[in-house]
């Protein structure tokens, strides 16, 4: 429950959500590996922004926020594809 959450942790999460996490974006840009986001289709992902940061987007149809629980076979297939 949000009202019982640690105030500093919640503020940190909100801060990172609204600032676009620049340190993370810089760290990802410095990596010499392929980066893939496996997302459910419950909410549109910003493919152009992700691509602009070198992130390939894979969308699992019919999956929501907890796609690994909602569509484990599809998620595992995609993970095997991108890692293999």
PDB file of N, CA and C in Angstrom:
ATOM      1  N   UNK A   1       0.846  -1.179   0.000  1.00  0.00           N
ATOM      2  CA  UNK A   1       0.000   0.000   0.000  1.00  0.00           C
ATOM      3  C   UNK A   1       0.887   1.235   0.000  1.00  0.00           C
ATOM      4  N   UNK A   2       0.621   2.171  -0.883  1.00  0.00           N
ATOM      5  CA  UNK A   2       1.472   3.349  -1.068  1.00  0.00           C
ATOM      6  C   UNK A   2       1.606   4.197   0.192  1.00  0.00           C
ATOM      7  N   UNK A   3       0.554   4.263   1.005  1.00  0.00           N
ATOM      8  CA  UNK A   3       0.619   5.104   2.201  1.00  0.00           C
ATOM      9  C   UNK A   3       1.570   4.537   3.252  1.00  0.00           C
ATOM     10  N   UNK A   4       1.857   3.249   3.178  1.00  0.00           N
ATOM     11  CA  UNK A   4       2.761   2.616   4.144  1.00  0.00           C
ATOM     12  C   UNK A   4       4.188   2.497   3.604  1.00  0.00           C
ATOM     13  N   UNK A   5       4.422   2.915   2.374  1.00  0.00           N
ATOM     14  CA  UNK A   5       5.733   2.761   1.746  1.00  0.00           C
ATOM     15  C   UNK A   5       6.744   3.732   2.334  1.00  0.00           C
ATOM     16  N   UNK A   6       8.001   3.366   2.232  1.00  0.00           N
ATOM     17  CA  UNK A   6       9.081   4.221   2.676  1.00  0.00           C
ATOM     18  C   UNK A   6       9.094   5.488   1.820  1.00  0.00           C
ATOM     19  N   UNK A   7       9.014   6.635   2.461  1.00  0.00           N
ATOM     20  CA  UNK A   7       8.898   7.916   1.764  1.00  0.00           C
ATOM     21  C   UNK A   7      10.059   8.152   0.798  1.00  0.00           C
ATOM     22  N   UNK A   8      11.293   7.923   1.244  1.00  0.00           N
ATOM     23  CA  UNK A   8      12.456   8.173   0.388  1.00  0.00           C
ATOM     24  C   UNK A   8      12.460   7.252  -0.830  1.00  0.00           C
ATOM     25  N   UNK A   9      12.065   6.008  -0.631  1.00  0.00           N
ATOM     26  CA  UNK A   9      12.030   5.071  -1.757  1.00  0.00           C
ATOM     27  C   UNK A   9      10.980   5.505  -2.774  1.00  0.00           C
ATOM     28  N   UNK A  10       9.806   5.904  -2.297  1.00  0.00           N
ATOM     29  CA  UNK A  10       8.741   6.336  -3.206  1.00  0.00           C
ATOM     30  C   UNK A  10       9.167   7.585  -3.965  1.00  0.00           C
ATOM     31  N   UNK A  11       9.755   8.540  -3.269  1.00  0.00           N
ATOM     32  CA  UNK A  11      10.212   9.759  -3.937  1.00  0.00           C
ATOM     33  C   UNK A  11      11.292   9.442  -4.961  1.00  0.00           C
ATOM     34  N   UNK A  12      12.181   8.515  -4.653  1.00  0.00           N
ATOM     35  CA  UNK A  12      13.210   8.118  -5.609  1.00  0.00           C
ATOM     36  C   UNK A  12      12.612   7.496  -6.855  1.00  0.00           C
ATOM     37  N   UNK A  13      11.605   6.645  -6.667  1.00  0.00           N
ATOM     38  CA  UNK A  13      10.932   6.031  -7.813  1.00  0.00           C
ATOM     39  C   UNK A  13      10.240   7.080  -8.669  1.00  0.00           C
ATOM     40  N   UNK A  14       9.551   7.999  -8.028  1.00  0.00           N
ATOM     41  CA  UNK A  14       8.866   9.054  -8.773  1.00  0.00           C
ATOM     42  C   UNK A  14       9.859   9.937  -9.509  1.00  0.00           C
ATOM     43  N   UNK A  15      10.957  10.277  -8.834  1.00  0.00           N
ATOM     44  CA  UNK A  15      11.981  11.110  -9.452  1.00  0.00           C
ATOM     45  C   UNK A  15      12.542  10.425 -10.700  1.00  0.00           C
ATOM     46  N   UNK A  16      12.845   9.136 -10.596  1.00  0.00           N
ATOM     47  CA  UNK A  16      13.406   8.433 -11.749  1.00  0.00           C
ATOM     48  C   UNK A  16      12.377   8.300 -12.863  1.00  0.00           C
ATOM     49  N   UNK A  17      11.106   8.135 -12.498  1.00  0.00           N
ATOM     50  CA  UNK A  17      10.044   8.010 -13.506  1.00  0.00           C
ATOM     51  C   UNK A  17       9.918   9.291 -14.313  1.00  0.00           C
ATOM     52  N   UNK A  18       9.989  10.419 -13.651  1.00  0.00           N
ATOM     53  CA  UNK A  18       9.748  11.686 -14.334  1.00  0.00           C
ATOM     54  C   UNK A  18      11.001  12.324 -14.918  1.00  0.00           C
ATOM     55  N   UNK A  19      12.183  11.819 -14.608  1.00  0.00           N
ATOM     56  CA  UNK A  19      13.393  12.392 -15.178  1.00  0.00           C
ATOM     57  C   UNK A  19      13.918  11.563 -16.338  1.00  0.00           C
ATOM     58  N   UNK A  20      13.310  10.414 -16.609  1.00  0.00           N
ATOM     59  CA  UNK A  20      13.758   9.587 -17.721  1.00  0.00           C
ATOM     60  C   UNK A  20      15.010   8.787 -17.395  1.00  0.00           C
ATOM     61  N   UNK A  21      15.409   8.802 -16.118  1.00  0.00           N
ATOM     62  CA  UNK A  21      16.549   8.002 -15.664  1.00  0.00           C
ATOM     63  C   UNK A  21      17.791   8.238 -16.529  1.00  0.00           C
ATOM     64  N   UNK A  22      18.302   9.491 -16.591  1.00  0.00           N
ATOM     65  CA  UNK A  22      19.436   9.793 -17.459  1.00  0.00           C
ATOM     66  C   UNK A  22      20.684   8.954 -17.172  1.00  0.00           C
ATOM     67  N   UNK A  23      20.953   8.624 -15.921  1.00  0.00           N
ATOM     68  CA  UNK A  23      22.140   7.811 -15.617  1.00  0.00           C
ATOM     69  C   UNK A  23      22.011   6.425 -16.230  1.00  0.00           C
ATOM     70  N   UNK A  24      20.813   5.867 -16.191  1.00  0.00           N
ATOM     71  CA  UNK A  24      20.587   4.556 -16.792  1.00  0.00           C
ATOM     72  C   UNK A  24      20.743   4.626 -18.305  1.00  0.00           C
ATOM     73  N   UNK A  25      20.187   5.661 -18.909  1.00  0.00           N
ATOM     74  CA  UNK A  25      20.293   5.827 -20.358  1.00  0.00           C
ATOM     75  C   UNK A  25      21.758   5.959 -20.765  1.00  0.00           C
ATOM     76  N   UNK A  26      22.555   6.717 -20.011  1.00  0.00           N
ATOM     77  CA  UNK A  26      23.985   6.856 -20.307  1.00  0.00           C
ATOM     78  C   UNK A  26      24.707   5.515 -20.156  1.00  0.00           C
ATOM     79  N   UNK A  27      24.367   4.774 -19.113  1.00  0.00           N
ATOM     80  CA  UNK A  27      25.010   3.475 -18.885  1.00  0.00           C
ATOM     81  C   UNK A  27      24.664   2.499 -20.007  1.00  0.00           C
ATOM     82  N   UNK A  28      23.418   2.485 -20.445  1.00  0.00           N
ATOM     83  CA  UNK A  28      23.019   1.604 -21.535  1.00  0.00           C
ATOM     84  C   UNK A  28      23.764   1.954 -22.819  1.00  0.00           C
ATOM     85  N   UNK A  29      23.922   3.238 -23.069  1.00  0.00           N
ATOM     86  CA  UNK A  29      24.615   3.681 -24.277  1.00  0.00           C
ATOM     87  C   UNK A  29      26.077   3.249 -24.278  1.00  0.00           C
ATOM     88  N   UNK A  30      26.662   3.106 -23.103  1.00  0.00           N
ATOM     89  CA  UNK A  30      28.071   2.739 -23.002  1.00  0.00           C
ATOM     90  C   UNK A  30      28.297   1.235 -23.156  1.00  0.00           C
ATOM     91  N   UNK A  31      27.262   0.433 -23.058  1.00  0.00           N
ATOM     92  CA  UNK A  31      27.401  -1.020 -23.178  1.00  0.00           C
ATOM     93  C   UNK A  31      27.622  -1.427 -24.632  1.00  0.00           C
ATOM     94  N   UNK A  32      28.423  -2.452 -24.823  1.00  0.00           N
ATOM     95  CA  UNK A  32      28.662  -2.974 -26.162  1.00  0.00           C
ATOM     96  C   UNK A  32      27.941  -4.316 -26.313  1.00  0.00           C
ATOM     97  N   UNK A  33      26.647  -4.309 -26.052  1.00  0.00           N
ATOM     98  CA  UNK A  33      25.806  -5.500 -26.159  1.00  0.00           C
ATOM     99  C   UNK A  33      24.464  -5.085 -26.753  1.00  0.00           C
ATOM    100  N   UNK A  34      23.750  -6.044 -27.307  1.00  0.00           N
ATOM    101  CA  UNK A  34      22.397  -5.766 -27.775  1.00  0.00           C
ATOM    102  C   UNK A  34      21.488  -5.641 -26.563  1.00  0.00           C
ATOM    103  N   UNK A  35      20.601  -4.661 -26.595  1.00  0.00           N
ATOM    104  CA  UNK A  35      19.661  -4.449 -25.493  1.00  0.00           C
ATOM    105  C   UNK A  35      18.262  -4.643 -26.042  1.00  0.00           C
ATOM    106  N   UNK A  36      17.496  -5.504 -25.374  1.00  0.00           N
ATOM    107  CA  UNK A  36      16.149  -5.838 -25.829  1.00  0.00           C
ATOM    108  C   UNK A  36      15.181  -5.652 -24.674  1.00  0.00           C
ATOM    109  N   UNK A  37      14.084  -4.961 -24.929  1.00  0.00           N
ATOM    110  CA  UNK A  37      12.991  -4.822 -23.960  1.00  0.00           C
ATOM    111  C   UNK A  37      11.871  -5.753 -24.396  1.00  0.00           C
ATOM    112  N   UNK A  38      11.479  -6.663 -23.513  1.00  0.00           N
ATOM    113  CA  UNK A  38      10.365  -7.568 -23.794  1.00  0.00           C
ATOM    114  C   UNK A  38       9.192  -7.050 -22.973  1.00  0.00           C
ATOM    115  N   UNK A  39       8.202  -6.484 -23.668  1.00  0.00           N
ATOM    116  CA  UNK A  39       7.061  -5.846 -23.013  1.00  0.00           C
ATOM    117  C   UNK A  39       5.761  -6.506 -23.417  1.00  0.00           C
ATOM    118  N   UNK A  40       4.775  -6.401 -22.532  1.00  0.00           N
ATOM    119  CA  UNK A  40       3.420  -6.805 -22.887  1.00  0.00           C
ATOM    120  C   UNK A  40       2.778  -5.710 -23.719  1.00  0.00           C
ATOM    121  N   UNK A  41       1.650  -6.010 -24.335  1.00  0.00           N
ATOM    122  CA  UNK A  41       0.991  -5.006 -25.179  1.00  0.00           C
ATOM    123  C   UNK A  41      -0.142  -4.278 -24.476  1.00  0.00           C
ATOM    124  N   UNK A  42      -0.205  -4.376 -23.155  1.00  0.00           N
ATOM    125  CA  UNK A  42      -1.276  -3.719 -22.406  1.00  0.00           C
ATOM    126  C   UNK A  42      -1.204  -2.199 -22.507  1.00  0.00           C
ATOM    127  N   UNK A  43      -0.033  -1.700 -22.785  1.00  0.00           N
ATOM    128  CA  UNK A  43       0.195  -0.254 -22.851  1.00  0.00           C
ATOM    129  C   UNK A  43       1.222  -0.022 -23.956  1.00  0.00           C
ATOM    130  N   UNK A  44       0.983   0.970 -24.764  1.00  0.00           N
ATOM    131  CA  UNK A  44       1.895   1.225 -25.888  1.00  0.00           C
ATOM    132  C   UNK A  44       3.292   1.574 -25.383  1.00  0.00           C
ATOM    133  N   UNK A  45       4.292   0.925 -25.951  1.00  0.00           N
ATOM    134  CA  UNK A  45       5.687   1.253 -25.659  1.00  0.00           C
ATOM    135  C   UNK A  45       6.169   2.209 -26.747  1.00  0.00           C
ATOM    136  N   UNK A  46       7.030   3.115 -26.389  1.00  0.00           N
ATOM    137  CA  UNK A  46       7.505   4.116 -27.337  1.00  0.00           C
ATOM    138  C   UNK A  46       8.676   3.554 -28.135  1.00  0.00           C
ATOM    139  N   UNK A  47       8.353   2.807 -29.190  1.00  0.00           N
ATOM    140  CA  UNK A  47       9.361   2.132 -30.008  1.00  0.00           C
ATOM    141  C   UNK A  47      10.412   3.109 -30.548  1.00  0.00           C
ATOM    142  N   UNK A  48      10.016   4.280 -31.095  1.00  0.00           N
ATOM    143  CA  UNK A  48      11.039   5.199 -31.627  1.00  0.00           C
ATOM    144  C   UNK A  48      12.020   5.689 -30.558  1.00  0.00           C
ATOM    145  N   UNK A  49      11.527   5.971 -29.368  1.00  0.00           N
ATOM    146  CA  UNK A  49      12.430   6.435 -28.303  1.00  0.00           C
ATOM    147  C   UNK A  49      13.377   5.312 -27.898  1.00  0.00           C
ATOM    148  N   UNK A  50      12.830   4.097 -27.718  1.00  0.00           N
ATOM    149  CA  UNK A  50      13.685   2.969 -27.368  1.00  0.00           C
ATOM    150  C   UNK A  50      14.735   2.730 -28.455  1.00  0.00           C
ATOM    151  N   UNK A  51      14.300   2.741 -29.710  1.00  0.00           N
ATOM    152  CA  UNK A  51      15.224   2.521 -30.829  1.00  0.00           C
ATOM    153  C   UNK A  51      16.298   3.606 -30.862  1.00  0.00           C
ATOM    154  N   UNK A  52      15.912   4.831 -30.522  1.00  0.00           N
ATOM    155  CA  UNK A  52      16.870   5.930 -30.493  1.00  0.00           C
ATOM    156  C   UNK A  52      17.975   5.721 -29.470  1.00  0.00           C
ATOM    157  N   UNK A  53      17.694   4.880 -28.471  1.00  0.00           N
ATOM    158  CA  UNK A  53      18.693   4.557 -27.453  1.00  0.00           C
ATOM    159  C   UNK A  53      19.295   3.179 -27.704  1.00  0.00           C
ATOM    160  N   UNK A  54      19.016   2.621 -28.891  1.00  0.00           N
ATOM    161  CA  UNK A  54      19.594   1.337 -29.251  1.00  0.00           C
ATOM    162  C   UNK A  54      18.920   0.132 -28.635  1.00  0.00           C
ATOM    163  N   UNK A  55      17.675   0.296 -28.199  1.00  0.00           N
ATOM    164  CA  UNK A  55      16.948  -0.796 -27.556  1.00  0.00           C
ATOM    165  C   UNK A  55      15.942  -1.375 -28.541  1.00  0.00           C
ATOM    166  N   UNK A  56      16.038  -2.686 -28.770  1.00  0.00           N
ATOM    167  CA  UNK A  56      15.057  -3.384 -29.606  1.00  0.00           C
ATOM    168  C   UNK A  56      13.840  -3.701 -28.750  1.00  0.00           C
ATOM    169  N   UNK A  57      12.665  -3.429 -29.270  1.00  0.00           N
ATOM    170  CA  UNK A  57      11.425  -3.710 -28.547  1.00  0.00           C
ATOM    171  C   UNK A  57      10.789  -4.976 -29.092  1.00  0.00           C
ATOM    172  N   UNK A  58      10.475  -5.910 -28.190  1.00  0.00           N
ATOM    173  CA  UNK A  58       9.726  -7.112 -28.528  1.00  0.00           C
ATOM    174  C   UNK A  58       8.436  -7.049 -27.718  1.00  0.00           C
ATOM    175  N   UNK A  59       7.298  -7.137 -28.405  1.00  0.00           N
ATOM    176  CA  UNK A  59       6.003  -7.048 -27.730  1.00  0.00           C
ATOM    177  C   UNK A  59       5.366  -8.432 -27.693  1.00  0.00           C
ATOM    178  N   UNK A  60       4.940  -8.840 -26.499  1.00  0.00           N
ATOM    179  CA  UNK A  60       4.243 -10.106 -26.322  1.00  0.00           C
ATOM    180  C   UNK A  60       2.748  -9.814 -26.342  1.00  0.00           C
ATOM    181  N   UNK A  61       2.050 -10.246 -27.400  1.00  0.00           N
ATOM    182  CA  UNK A  61       0.611  -9.963 -27.525  1.00  0.00           C
ATOM    183  C   UNK A  61      -0.201 -10.589 -26.388  1.00  0.00           C
ATOM    184  N   UNK A  62      -1.177  -9.834 -25.923  1.00  0.00           N
ATOM    185  CA  UNK A  62      -2.094 -10.336 -24.904  1.00  0.00           C
ATOM    186  C   UNK A  62      -1.528 -10.372 -23.501  1.00  0.00           C
ATOM    187  N   UNK A  63      -0.339  -9.822 -23.305  1.00  0.00           N
ATOM    188  CA  UNK A  63       0.276  -9.827 -21.976  1.00  0.00           C
ATOM    189  C   UNK A  63       0.229  -8.429 -21.388  1.00  0.00           C
ATOM    190  N   UNK A  64       0.138  -8.370 -20.086  1.00  0.00           N
ATOM    191  CA  UNK A  64       0.089  -7.097 -19.389  1.00  0.00           C
ATOM    192  C   UNK A  64       1.403  -6.776 -18.704  1.00  0.00           C
ATOM    193  N   UNK A  65       1.309  -6.107 -17.574  1.00  0.00           N
ATOM    194  CA  UNK A  65       2.491  -5.674 -16.829  1.00  0.00           C
ATOM    195  C   UNK A  65       3.291  -6.869 -16.313  1.00  0.00           C
ATOM    196  N   UNK A  66       2.616  -7.927 -15.909  1.00  0.00           N
ATOM    197  CA  UNK A  66       3.283  -9.115 -15.371  1.00  0.00           C
ATOM    198  C   UNK A  66       3.355 -10.197 -16.437  1.00  0.00           C
ATOM    199  N   UNK A  67       3.927  -9.842 -17.590  1.00  0.00           N
ATOM    200  CA  UNK A  67       3.922 -10.735 -18.739  1.00  0.00           C
ATOM    201  C   UNK A  67       4.587 -12.066 -18.456  1.00  0.00           C
ATOM    202  N   UNK A  68       5.577 -12.104 -17.575  1.00  0.00           N
ATOM    203  CA  UNK A  68       6.249 -13.364 -17.282  1.00  0.00           C
ATOM    204  C   UNK A  68       5.327 -14.335 -16.555  1.00  0.00           C
ATOM    205  N   UNK A  69       4.290 -13.824 -15.916  1.00  0.00           N
ATOM    206  CA  UNK A  69       3.291 -14.667 -15.260  1.00  0.00           C
ATOM    207  C   UNK A  69       2.094 -14.929 -16.176  1.00  0.00           C
ATOM    208  N   UNK A  70       1.767 -13.946 -16.990  1.00  0.00           N
ATOM    209  CA  UNK A  70       0.587 -14.043 -17.857  1.00  0.00           C
ATOM    210  C   UNK A  70       0.836 -14.847 -19.130  1.00  0.00           C
ATOM    211  N   UNK A  71       2.053 -14.786 -19.648  1.00  0.00           N
ATOM    212  CA  UNK A  71       2.376 -15.465 -20.908  1.00  0.00           C
ATOM    213  C   UNK A  71       3.795 -16.043 -20.838  1.00  0.00           C
ATOM    214  N   UNK A  72       4.048 -16.933 -19.866  1.00  0.00           N
ATOM    215  CA  UNK A  72       5.417 -17.415 -19.662  1.00  0.00           C
ATOM    216  C   UNK A  72       6.017 -18.114 -20.880  1.00  0.00           C
ATOM    217  N   UNK A  73       5.223 -18.888 -21.608  1.00  0.00           N
ATOM    218  CA  UNK A  73       5.767 -19.588 -22.778  1.00  0.00           C
ATOM    219  C   UNK A  73       6.223 -18.598 -23.849  1.00  0.00           C
ATOM    220  N   UNK A  74       5.405 -17.587 -24.105  1.00  0.00           N
ATOM    221  CA  UNK A  74       5.762 -16.578 -25.115  1.00  0.00           C
ATOM    222  C   UNK A  74       6.989 -15.785 -24.671  1.00  0.00           C
ATOM    223  N   UNK A  75       7.049 -15.422 -23.408  1.00  0.00           N
ATOM    224  CA  UNK A  75       8.202 -14.672 -22.899  1.00  0.00           C
ATOM    225  C   UNK A  75       9.464 -15.522 -23.012  1.00  0.00           C
ATOM    226  N   UNK A  76       9.370 -16.785 -22.612  1.00  0.00           N
ATOM    227  CA  UNK A  76      10.538 -17.668 -22.697  1.00  0.00           C
ATOM    228  C   UNK A  76      11.008 -17.848 -24.134  1.00  0.00           C
ATOM    229  N   UNK A  77      10.067 -17.968 -25.063  1.00  0.00           N
ATOM    230  CA  UNK A  77      10.440 -18.085 -26.482  1.00  0.00           C
ATOM    231  C   UNK A  77      11.217 -16.859 -26.942  1.00  0.00           C
ATOM    232  N   UNK A  78      10.713 -15.680 -26.573  1.00  0.00           N
ATOM    233  CA  UNK A  78      11.388 -14.441 -26.978  1.00  0.00           C
ATOM    234  C   UNK A  78      12.761 -14.322 -26.323  1.00  0.00           C
ATOM    235  N   UNK A  79      12.854 -14.680 -25.055  1.00  0.00           N
ATOM    236  CA  UNK A  79      14.148 -14.616 -24.371  1.00  0.00           C
ATOM    237  C   UNK A  79      15.143 -15.576 -25.010  1.00  0.00           C
ATOM    238  N   UNK A  80      14.697 -16.794 -25.321  1.00  0.00           N
ATOM    239  CA  UNK A  80      15.585 -17.747 -25.978  1.00  0.00           C
ATOM    240  C   UNK A  80      16.027 -17.229 -27.346  1.00  0.00           C
ATOM    241  N   UNK A  81      15.113 -16.574 -28.053  1.00  0.00           N
ATOM    242  CA  UNK A  81      15.447 -16.033 -29.365  1.00  0.00           C
ATOM    243  C   UNK A  81      16.507 -14.940 -29.267  1.00  0.00           C
ATOM    244  N   UNK A  82      16.298 -13.990 -28.371  1.00  0.00           N
ATOM    245  CA  UNK A  82      17.225 -12.851 -28.316  1.00  0.00           C
ATOM    246  C   UNK A  82      18.537 -13.194 -27.639  1.00  0.00           C
ATOM    247  N   UNK A  83      18.516 -14.107 -26.686  1.00  0.00           N
ATOM    248  CA  UNK A  83      19.748 -14.478 -26.008  1.00  0.00           C
ATOM    249  C   UNK A  83      20.533 -15.494 -26.834  1.00  0.00           C
ATOM    250  N   UNK A  84      19.778 -16.393 -27.510  1.00  0.00           N
ATOM    251  CA  UNK A  84      20.423 -17.453 -28.303  1.00  0.00           C
ATOM    252  C   UNK A  84      21.054 -16.878 -29.505  1.00  0.00           C
TER     253      UNK A  84
END
